[in-house]
């Protein structure tokens, strides 16, 4: 059954399975319309399915955490990816680059703090993004800064993992194009059982003249001009438990390590 399900999703027959529309000849006008109708139907079905999962995750699950607090975990930072295509002026060859740096923080849980800049839990959590120097050799990019983002993890008895800050200059000779996908810029990762939410994402394109453009999570055709800088501040994980119950020594270590700034206005 699993193999058949996987096959259906990778073949045109899936559209026929869910819609009953024969897709014999995609080239003629009638079947092109039927193809678009089937794609629209699939999009609706997938959206409803994904919405149901998020409803369970954000409404039902928190209600269950109180019953099983020792097995509960706060929210992780959400996915916000960026892809960039252009021409490398050093070689004259086109390139395609995908952002794997600046991962969001992991959620805290009953046994400890969330992992710093771990990435999304469901697929790419803890992914190794590789050497920045290798990226600079292979692509027309220069990394100005890549470090943890202070105060981004939600406070709690156990603190959410901090996200990251990335500043990267795109050293192309002609305008490049980028697109984005994901979410998590309006609401941060959810804290549980009294823990506070993590900070949301904040991605921007900074021009050489200092002008900034906030990047949304679902955009295509973003023009990246020579010398533009990508400023990515990824969200932190949610906190677990009442912040007043945090071990004072752990709080002091957070300040020493730079996970928190020491200010009173914490997420």
C-alpha atoms as a PDB file:
ATOM      1  CA  UNK A   1       0.000   0.000   0.000  1.00  0.00           C
ATOM      2  CA  UNK A   2       2.801   2.421   0.862  1.00  0.00           C
ATOM      3  CA  UNK A   3       4.581   1.824  -2.439  1.00  0.00           C
ATOM      4  CA  UNK A   4       1.347   2.267  -4.390  1.00  0.00           C
ATOM      5  CA  UNK A   5       0.594   5.521  -2.571  1.00  0.00           C
ATOM      6  CA  UNK A   6       4.085   6.791  -3.358  1.00  0.00           C
ATOM      7  CA  UNK A   7       3.709   5.804  -6.988  1.00  0.00           C
ATOM      8  CA  UNK A   8       0.389   7.604  -7.338  1.00  0.00           C
ATOM      9  CA  UNK A   9       1.865  10.849  -6.115  1.00  0.00           C
ATOM     10  CA  UNK A  10       4.621  10.641  -8.718  1.00  0.00           C
ATOM     11  CA  UNK A  11       2.462   9.799 -11.713  1.00  0.00           C
ATOM     12  CA  UNK A  12      -0.268  11.455 -13.728  1.00  0.00           C
ATOM     13  CA  UNK A  13      -2.555   8.587 -12.806  1.00  0.00           C
ATOM     14  CA  UNK A  14      -2.915  10.173  -9.374  1.00  0.00           C
ATOM     15  CA  UNK A  15      -5.032  12.953 -10.876  1.00  0.00           C
ATOM     16  CA  UNK A  16      -7.297  10.391 -12.467  1.00  0.00           C
ATOM     17  CA  UNK A  17      -7.550   8.535  -9.146  1.00  0.00           C
ATOM     18  CA  UNK A  18      -8.701  11.615  -7.238  1.00  0.00           C
ATOM     19  CA  UNK A  19     -10.782  13.297  -9.938  1.00  0.00           C
ATOM     20  CA  UNK A  20     -11.909  10.656 -12.402  1.00  0.00           C
ATOM     21  CA  UNK A  21     -10.767  12.897 -15.272  1.00  0.00           C
ATOM     22  CA  UNK A  22      -9.031  11.002 -18.120  1.00  0.00           C
ATOM     23  CA  UNK A  23      -5.699  12.545 -18.998  1.00  0.00           C
ATOM     24  CA  UNK A  24      -5.042  10.947 -22.356  1.00  0.00           C
ATOM     25  CA  UNK A  25      -3.564  13.809 -24.334  1.00  0.00           C
ATOM     26  CA  UNK A  26      -2.206  16.794 -22.465  1.00  0.00           C
ATOM     27  CA  UNK A  27      -1.530  18.708 -25.660  1.00  0.00           C
ATOM     28  CA  UNK A  28      -5.088  19.341 -26.864  1.00  0.00           C
ATOM     29  CA  UNK A  29      -7.071  22.233 -25.462  1.00  0.00           C
ATOM     30  CA  UNK A  30      -9.790  20.151 -23.802  1.00  0.00           C
ATOM     31  CA  UNK A  31      -7.363  17.971 -21.962  1.00  0.00           C
ATOM     32  CA  UNK A  32      -5.254  20.950 -20.958  1.00  0.00           C
ATOM     33  CA  UNK A  33      -8.328  22.367 -19.245  1.00  0.00           C
ATOM     34  CA  UNK A  34      -9.012  19.003 -17.613  1.00  0.00           C
ATOM     35  CA  UNK A  35      -5.397  18.856 -16.478  1.00  0.00           C
ATOM     36  CA  UNK A  36      -5.689  22.272 -14.840  1.00  0.00           C
ATOM     37  CA  UNK A  37      -8.970  21.256 -13.194  1.00  0.00           C
ATOM     38  CA  UNK A  38      -7.348  18.128 -11.808  1.00  0.00           C
ATOM     39  CA  UNK A  39      -4.371  20.129 -10.524  1.00  0.00           C
ATOM     40  CA  UNK A  40      -6.747  22.583  -8.845  1.00  0.00           C
ATOM     41  CA  UNK A  41      -8.638  19.718  -7.221  1.00  0.00           C
ATOM     42  CA  UNK A  42      -5.398  18.199  -5.989  1.00  0.00           C
ATOM     43  CA  UNK A  43      -4.305  21.553  -4.553  1.00  0.00           C
ATOM     44  CA  UNK A  44      -7.605  21.855  -2.669  1.00  0.00           C
ATOM     45  CA  UNK A  45      -7.282  18.323  -1.280  1.00  0.00           C
ATOM     46  CA  UNK A  46      -3.686  18.836  -0.178  1.00  0.00           C
ATOM     47  CA  UNK A  47      -4.550  22.216   1.392  1.00  0.00           C
ATOM     48  CA  UNK A  48      -7.397  20.676   3.377  1.00  0.00           C
ATOM     49  CA  UNK A  49      -5.186  17.804   4.453  1.00  0.00           C
ATOM     50  CA  UNK A  50      -2.371  20.123   5.543  1.00  0.00           C
ATOM     51  CA  UNK A  51      -4.857  22.415   7.303  1.00  0.00           C
ATOM     52  CA  UNK A  52      -6.216  19.483   9.270  1.00  0.00           C
ATOM     53  CA  UNK A  53      -2.700  18.536  10.381  1.00  0.00           C
ATOM     54  CA  UNK A  54      -1.932  22.098  11.501  1.00  0.00           C
ATOM     55  CA  UNK A  55      -5.258  22.226  13.371  1.00  0.00           C
ATOM     56  CA  UNK A  56      -4.288  19.110  15.277  1.00  0.00           C
ATOM     57  CA  UNK A  57      -0.824  20.485  15.908  1.00  0.00           C
ATOM     58  CA  UNK A  58      -1.854  23.905  17.169  1.00  0.00           C
ATOM     59  CA  UNK A  59      -5.195  23.242  18.819  1.00  0.00           C
ATOM     60  CA  UNK A  60      -5.513  19.630  19.887  1.00  0.00           C
ATOM     61  CA  UNK A  61      -1.900  18.834  20.767  1.00  0.00           C
ATOM     62  CA  UNK A  62      -1.406  21.666  23.318  1.00  0.00           C
ATOM     63  CA  UNK A  63      -4.505  20.460  25.150  1.00  0.00           C
ATOM     64  CA  UNK A  64      -2.934  17.019  25.458  1.00  0.00           C
ATOM     65  CA  UNK A  65       0.400  18.323  26.748  1.00  0.00           C
ATOM     66  CA  UNK A  66      -1.054  18.857  30.209  1.00  0.00           C
ATOM     67  CA  UNK A  67      -1.898  15.162  30.380  1.00  0.00           C
ATOM     68  CA  UNK A  68       1.568  13.986  29.337  1.00  0.00           C
ATOM     69  CA  UNK A  69       3.948  16.839  30.231  1.00  0.00           C
ATOM     70  CA  UNK A  70       6.977  14.546  30.415  1.00  0.00           C
ATOM     71  CA  UNK A  71       6.514  13.612  26.738  1.00  0.00           C
ATOM     72  CA  UNK A  72       5.655  17.060  25.399  1.00  0.00           C
ATOM     73  CA  UNK A  73       7.880  19.296  23.295  1.00  0.00           C
ATOM     74  CA  UNK A  74       7.518  22.985  22.492  1.00  0.00           C
ATOM     75  CA  UNK A  75       7.275  24.232  18.914  1.00  0.00           C
ATOM     76  CA  UNK A  76      10.266  24.341  16.634  1.00  0.00           C
ATOM     77  CA  UNK A  77      11.139  27.205  14.312  1.00  0.00           C
ATOM     78  CA  UNK A  78       9.312  26.970  11.010  1.00  0.00           C
ATOM     79  CA  UNK A  79      10.645  26.501   7.501  1.00  0.00           C
ATOM     80  CA  UNK A  80      11.571  29.603   5.506  1.00  0.00           C
ATOM     81  CA  UNK A  81      13.707  28.791   2.509  1.00  0.00           C
ATOM     82  CA  UNK A  82      15.186  30.893  -0.264  1.00  0.00           C
ATOM     83  CA  UNK A  83      16.471  29.804  -3.678  1.00  0.00           C
ATOM     84  CA  UNK A  84      18.673  32.000  -5.838  1.00  0.00           C
ATOM     85  CA  UNK A  85      19.558  31.736  -9.521  1.00  0.00           C
ATOM     86  CA  UNK A  86      21.863  33.897 -11.581  1.00  0.00           C
ATOM     87  CA  UNK A  87      25.132  33.950 -13.503  1.00  0.00           C
ATOM     88  CA  UNK A  88      28.513  33.629 -11.801  1.00  0.00           C
ATOM     89  CA  UNK A  89      30.635  36.515 -13.143  1.00  0.00           C
ATOM     90  CA  UNK A  90      33.824  34.561 -12.471  1.00  0.00           C
ATOM     91  CA  UNK A  91      32.921  31.792 -14.903  1.00  0.00           C
ATOM     92  CA  UNK A  92      30.012  33.126 -16.952  1.00  0.00           C
ATOM     93  CA  UNK A  93      28.052  30.010 -16.040  1.00  0.00           C
ATOM     94  CA  UNK A  94      24.529  29.972 -14.539  1.00  0.00           C
ATOM     95  CA  UNK A  95      24.154  28.829 -10.943  1.00  0.00           C
ATOM     96  CA  UNK A  96      21.353  27.767  -8.631  1.00  0.00           C
ATOM     97  CA  UNK A  97      21.820  28.075  -4.868  1.00  0.00           C
ATOM     98  CA  UNK A  98      19.560  27.015  -2.021  1.00  0.00           C
ATOM     99  CA  UNK A  99      19.699  28.508   1.483  1.00  0.00           C
ATOM    100  CA  UNK A 100      20.522  25.905   4.122  1.00  0.00           C
ATOM    101  CA  UNK A 101      22.207  28.288   6.551  1.00  0.00           C
ATOM    102  CA  UNK A 102      20.552  30.248   9.368  1.00  0.00           C
ATOM    103  CA  UNK A 103      18.448  27.352  10.611  1.00  0.00           C
ATOM    104  CA  UNK A 104      15.695  28.027  13.191  1.00  0.00           C
ATOM    105  CA  UNK A 105      15.924  26.852  16.787  1.00  0.00           C
ATOM    106  CA  UNK A 106      14.474  23.663  18.233  1.00  0.00           C
ATOM    107  CA  UNK A 107      11.738  23.501  20.840  1.00  0.00           C
ATOM    108  CA  UNK A 108      12.455  22.914  24.522  1.00  0.00           C
ATOM    109  CA  UNK A 109      11.155  19.753  26.172  1.00  0.00           C
ATOM    110  CA  UNK A 110      10.795  18.133  29.569  1.00  0.00           C
ATOM    111  CA  UNK A 111      14.464  17.144  29.791  1.00  0.00           C
ATOM    112  CA  UNK A 112      16.215  20.280  28.627  1.00  0.00           C
ATOM    113  CA  UNK A 113      16.686  23.254  26.349  1.00  0.00           C
ATOM    114  CA  UNK A 114      15.977  23.243  22.633  1.00  0.00           C
ATOM    115  CA  UNK A 115      18.773  22.664  20.171  1.00  0.00           C
ATOM    116  CA  UNK A 116      20.334  25.853  18.764  1.00  0.00           C
ATOM    117  CA  UNK A 117      19.833  26.484  15.028  1.00  0.00           C
ATOM    118  CA  UNK A 118      18.785  22.861  14.529  1.00  0.00           C
ATOM    119  CA  UNK A 119      16.375  23.381  11.650  1.00  0.00           C
ATOM    120  CA  UNK A 120      12.833  22.135  11.136  1.00  0.00           C
ATOM    121  CA  UNK A 121      11.939  19.019  13.116  1.00  0.00           C
ATOM    122  CA  UNK A 122       9.873  17.219  10.473  1.00  0.00           C
ATOM    123  CA  UNK A 123      12.414  16.870   7.672  1.00  0.00           C
ATOM    124  CA  UNK A 124      15.676  18.764   7.830  1.00  0.00           C
ATOM    125  CA  UNK A 125      16.240  19.062  11.562  1.00  0.00           C
ATOM    126  CA  UNK A 126      19.919  19.147  12.406  1.00  0.00           C
ATOM    127  CA  UNK A 127      20.892  19.236   8.753  1.00  0.00           C
ATOM    128  CA  UNK A 128      24.557  19.900   8.089  1.00  0.00           C
ATOM    129  CA  UNK A 129      24.852  22.951   5.888  1.00  0.00           C
ATOM    130  CA  UNK A 130      28.528  22.510   5.049  1.00  0.00           C
ATOM    131  CA  UNK A 131      31.496  24.837   4.975  1.00  0.00           C
ATOM    132  CA  UNK A 132      30.790  28.496   4.248  1.00  0.00           C
ATOM    133  CA  UNK A 133      34.160  28.749   2.520  1.00  0.00           C
ATOM    134  CA  UNK A 134      33.158  25.990   0.112  1.00  0.00           C
ATOM    135  CA  UNK A 135      29.963  27.906  -0.705  1.00  0.00           C
ATOM    136  CA  UNK A 136      32.018  31.008  -1.410  1.00  0.00           C
ATOM    137  CA  UNK A 137      34.303  29.072  -3.765  1.00  0.00           C
ATOM    138  CA  UNK A 138      31.457  27.451  -5.671  1.00  0.00           C
ATOM    139  CA  UNK A 139      29.036  30.390  -5.811  1.00  0.00           C
ATOM    140  CA  UNK A 140      29.354  34.215  -6.094  1.00  0.00           C
ATOM    141  CA  UNK A 141      28.531  34.694  -2.409  1.00  0.00           C
ATOM    142  CA  UNK A 142      30.384  36.280   0.502  1.00  0.00           C
ATOM    143  CA  UNK A 143      29.311  35.486   4.063  1.00  0.00           C
ATOM    144  CA  UNK A 144      29.700  38.544   6.248  1.00  0.00           C
ATOM    145  CA  UNK A 145      28.226  36.991   9.378  1.00  0.00           C
ATOM    146  CA  UNK A 146      26.720  33.680  10.484  1.00  0.00           C
ATOM    147  CA  UNK A 147      26.016  33.303  14.186  1.00  0.00           C
ATOM    148  CA  UNK A 148      23.336  32.486  16.741  1.00  0.00           C
ATOM    149  CA  UNK A 149      20.536  35.009  17.259  1.00  0.00           C
ATOM    150  CA  UNK A 150      20.375  36.161  20.900  1.00  0.00           C
ATOM    151  CA  UNK A 151      16.984  36.239  22.659  1.00  0.00           C
ATOM    152  CA  UNK A 152      15.247  34.354  19.840  1.00  0.00           C
ATOM    153  CA  UNK A 153      14.459  31.224  21.862  1.00  0.00           C
ATOM    154  CA  UNK A 154      11.352  31.384  24.043  1.00  0.00           C
ATOM    155  CA  UNK A 155      12.002  31.668  27.763  1.00  0.00           C
ATOM    156  CA  UNK A 156      10.891  28.927  30.144  1.00  0.00           C
ATOM    157  CA  UNK A 157      12.062  26.430  32.723  1.00  0.00           C
ATOM    158  CA  UNK A 158      13.811  25.067  29.674  1.00  0.00           C
ATOM    159  CA  UNK A 159      14.699  27.597  27.003  1.00  0.00           C
ATOM    160  CA  UNK A 160      13.896  27.248  23.315  1.00  0.00           C
ATOM    161  CA  UNK A 161      16.889  26.875  21.037  1.00  0.00           C
ATOM    162  CA  UNK A 162      18.084  30.139  19.460  1.00  0.00           C
ATOM    163  CA  UNK A 163      17.805  30.738  15.753  1.00  0.00           C
ATOM    164  CA  UNK A 164      20.589  32.270  13.683  1.00  0.00           C
ATOM    165  CA  UNK A 165      21.640  35.483  11.970  1.00  0.00           C
ATOM    166  CA  UNK A 166      23.056  35.420   8.460  1.00  0.00           C
ATOM    167  CA  UNK A 167      24.449  38.315   6.438  1.00  0.00           C
ATOM    168  CA  UNK A 168      25.483  37.298   2.936  1.00  0.00           C
ATOM    169  CA  UNK A 169      26.468  39.530   0.019  1.00  0.00           C
ATOM    170  CA  UNK A 170      25.493  38.332  -3.460  1.00  0.00           C
ATOM    171  CA  UNK A 171      28.429  39.184  -5.734  1.00  0.00           C
ATOM    172  CA  UNK A 172      26.822  38.868  -9.152  1.00  0.00           C
ATOM    173  CA  UNK A 173      27.587  41.063 -12.137  1.00  0.00           C
ATOM    174  CA  UNK A 174      23.983  41.295 -13.321  1.00  0.00           C
ATOM    175  CA  UNK A 175      20.631  41.011 -11.503  1.00  0.00           C
ATOM    176  CA  UNK A 176      19.748  37.563 -10.175  1.00  0.00           C
ATOM    177  CA  UNK A 177      16.352  36.182  -9.164  1.00  0.00           C
ATOM    178  CA  UNK A 178      15.195  34.602  -5.915  1.00  0.00           C
ATOM    179  CA  UNK A 179      12.070  32.941  -4.612  1.00  0.00           C
ATOM    180  CA  UNK A 180      10.934  32.012  -1.143  1.00  0.00           C
ATOM    181  CA  UNK A 181       8.680  29.444   0.484  1.00  0.00           C
ATOM    182  CA  UNK A 182       7.649  28.666   4.025  1.00  0.00           C
ATOM    183  CA  UNK A 183       6.054  30.480   6.950  1.00  0.00           C
ATOM    184  CA  UNK A 184       6.783  31.649  10.473  1.00  0.00           C
ATOM    185  CA  UNK A 185       7.167  35.418  10.029  1.00  0.00           C
ATOM    186  CA  UNK A 186       3.975  36.385  11.865  1.00  0.00           C
ATOM    187  CA  UNK A 187       3.980  33.902  14.731  1.00  0.00           C
ATOM    188  CA  UNK A 188       6.966  32.329  16.405  1.00  0.00           C
ATOM    189  CA  UNK A 189       7.332  28.755  17.583  1.00  0.00           C
ATOM    190  CA  UNK A 190       4.827  28.035  20.327  1.00  0.00           C
ATOM    191  CA  UNK A 191       5.878  27.736  23.937  1.00  0.00           C
ATOM    192  CA  UNK A 192       4.052  25.217  26.131  1.00  0.00           C
ATOM    193  CA  UNK A 193       3.087  24.712  29.771  1.00  0.00           C
ATOM    194  CA  UNK A 194       3.901  28.328  30.622  1.00  0.00           C
ATOM    195  CA  UNK A 195       6.894  28.673  28.305  1.00  0.00           C
ATOM    196  CA  UNK A 196       7.064  31.664  26.000  1.00  0.00           C
ATOM    197  CA  UNK A 197       6.984  31.645  22.223  1.00  0.00           C
ATOM    198  CA  UNK A 198      10.151  31.976  20.201  1.00  0.00           C
ATOM    199  CA  UNK A 199      10.721  34.969  17.963  1.00  0.00           C
ATOM    200  CA  UNK A 200       9.473  34.714  14.355  1.00  0.00           C
ATOM    201  CA  UNK A 201      11.652  34.872  11.252  1.00  0.00           C
ATOM    202  CA  UNK A 202      12.832  38.187   9.815  1.00  0.00           C
ATOM    203  CA  UNK A 203      14.344  38.045   6.302  1.00  0.00           C
ATOM    204  CA  UNK A 204      15.379  41.159   4.367  1.00  0.00           C
ATOM    205  CA  UNK A 205      17.151  42.221   1.208  1.00  0.00           C
ATOM    206  CA  UNK A 206      19.522  45.086   2.000  1.00  0.00           C
ATOM    207  CA  UNK A 207      20.712  47.237  -0.918  1.00  0.00           C
ATOM    208  CA  UNK A 208      24.172  48.839  -1.070  1.00  0.00           C
ATOM    209  CA  UNK A 209      22.558  52.249  -0.433  1.00  0.00           C
ATOM    210  CA  UNK A 210      21.104  50.927   2.842  1.00  0.00           C
ATOM    211  CA  UNK A 211      17.541  50.431   1.644  1.00  0.00           C
ATOM    212  CA  UNK A 212      15.784  47.359   3.043  1.00  0.00           C
ATOM    213  CA  UNK A 213      13.004  45.204   1.636  1.00  0.00           C
ATOM    214  CA  UNK A 214      11.263  42.689   3.895  1.00  0.00           C
ATOM    215  CA  UNK A 215      10.978  39.285   2.246  1.00  0.00           C
ATOM    216  CA  UNK A 216       7.698  37.445   2.476  1.00  0.00           C
ATOM    217  CA  UNK A 217       7.463  33.691   2.789  1.00  0.00           C
ATOM    218  CA  UNK A 218       5.878  32.995  -0.599  1.00  0.00           C
ATOM    219  CA  UNK A 219       7.392  35.148  -3.317  1.00  0.00           C
ATOM    220  CA  UNK A 220       8.753  34.567  -6.800  1.00  0.00           C
ATOM    221  CA  UNK A 221      10.876  36.772  -9.045  1.00  0.00           C
ATOM    222  CA  UNK A 222      12.596  38.756  -6.294  1.00  0.00           C
ATOM    223  CA  UNK A 223      15.252  40.829  -8.046  1.00  0.00           C
ATOM    224  CA  UNK A 224      18.684  40.588  -6.419  1.00  0.00           C
ATOM    225  CA  UNK A 225      21.001  43.296  -7.732  1.00  0.00           C
ATOM    226  CA  UNK A 226      24.815  43.220  -7.606  1.00  0.00           C
ATOM    227  CA  UNK A 227      26.010  43.897  -4.083  1.00  0.00           C
ATOM    228  CA  UNK A 228      22.672  43.216  -2.384  1.00  0.00           C
ATOM    229  CA  UNK A 229      22.911  41.552   1.024  1.00  0.00           C
ATOM    230  CA  UNK A 230      20.590  38.870   2.339  1.00  0.00           C
ATOM    231  CA  UNK A 231      19.930  39.496   6.031  1.00  0.00           C
ATOM    232  CA  UNK A 232      18.234  36.451   7.532  1.00  0.00           C
ATOM    233  CA  UNK A 233      17.211  36.276  11.177  1.00  0.00           C
ATOM    234  CA  UNK A 234      15.681  32.863  11.790  1.00  0.00           C
ATOM    235  CA  UNK A 235      13.173  32.172  14.538  1.00  0.00           C
ATOM    236  CA  UNK A 236      13.884  30.425  17.805  1.00  0.00           C
ATOM    237  CA  UNK A 237      12.181  27.460  19.420  1.00  0.00           C
ATOM    238  CA  UNK A 238       9.438  27.687  22.001  1.00  0.00           C
ATOM    239  CA  UNK A 239      10.106  27.485  25.728  1.00  0.00           C
ATOM    240  CA  UNK A 240       8.923  24.762  28.113  1.00  0.00           C
ATOM    241  CA  UNK A 241       7.493  25.497  31.568  1.00  0.00           C
ATOM    242  CA  UNK A 242       7.350  28.566  33.769  1.00  0.00           C
ATOM    243  CA  UNK A 243      10.394  30.844  33.252  1.00  0.00           C
ATOM    244  CA  UNK A 244      10.462  31.500  37.009  1.00  0.00           C
ATOM    245  CA  UNK A 245      11.410  27.835  37.518  1.00  0.00           C
ATOM    246  CA  UNK A 246      14.578  28.045  35.419  1.00  0.00           C
ATOM    247  CA  UNK A 247      17.794  27.126  37.174  1.00  0.00           C
ATOM    248  CA  UNK A 248      19.667  30.388  37.959  1.00  0.00           C
ATOM    249  CA  UNK A 249      22.935  28.753  36.900  1.00  0.00           C
ATOM    250  CA  UNK A 250      21.412  27.883  33.528  1.00  0.00           C
ATOM    251  CA  UNK A 251      20.322  31.497  33.093  1.00  0.00           C
ATOM    252  CA  UNK A 252      23.808  32.723  33.896  1.00  0.00           C
ATOM    253  CA  UNK A 253      25.291  30.272  31.397  1.00  0.00           C
ATOM    254  CA  UNK A 254      22.858  31.529  28.743  1.00  0.00           C
ATOM    255  CA  UNK A 255      24.185  35.058  29.191  1.00  0.00           C
ATOM    256  CA  UNK A 256      27.806  33.907  29.123  1.00  0.00           C
ATOM    257  CA  UNK A 257      27.254  31.932  25.916  1.00  0.00           C
ATOM    258  CA  UNK A 258      25.325  34.769  24.273  1.00  0.00           C
ATOM    259  CA  UNK A 259      22.054  32.851  23.957  1.00  0.00           C
ATOM    260  CA  UNK A 260      20.349  35.740  25.771  1.00  0.00           C
ATOM    261  CA  UNK A 261      21.374  39.367  26.050  1.00  0.00           C
ATOM    262  CA  UNK A 262      20.525  39.709  29.707  1.00  0.00           C
ATOM    263  CA  UNK A 263      17.720  42.223  29.131  1.00  0.00           C
ATOM    264  CA  UNK A 264      14.334  41.980  30.800  1.00  0.00           C
ATOM    265  CA  UNK A 265      12.300  42.074  27.580  1.00  0.00           C
ATOM    266  CA  UNK A 266      12.531  38.388  26.685  1.00  0.00           C
ATOM    267  CA  UNK A 267      10.324  36.544  24.147  1.00  0.00           C
END
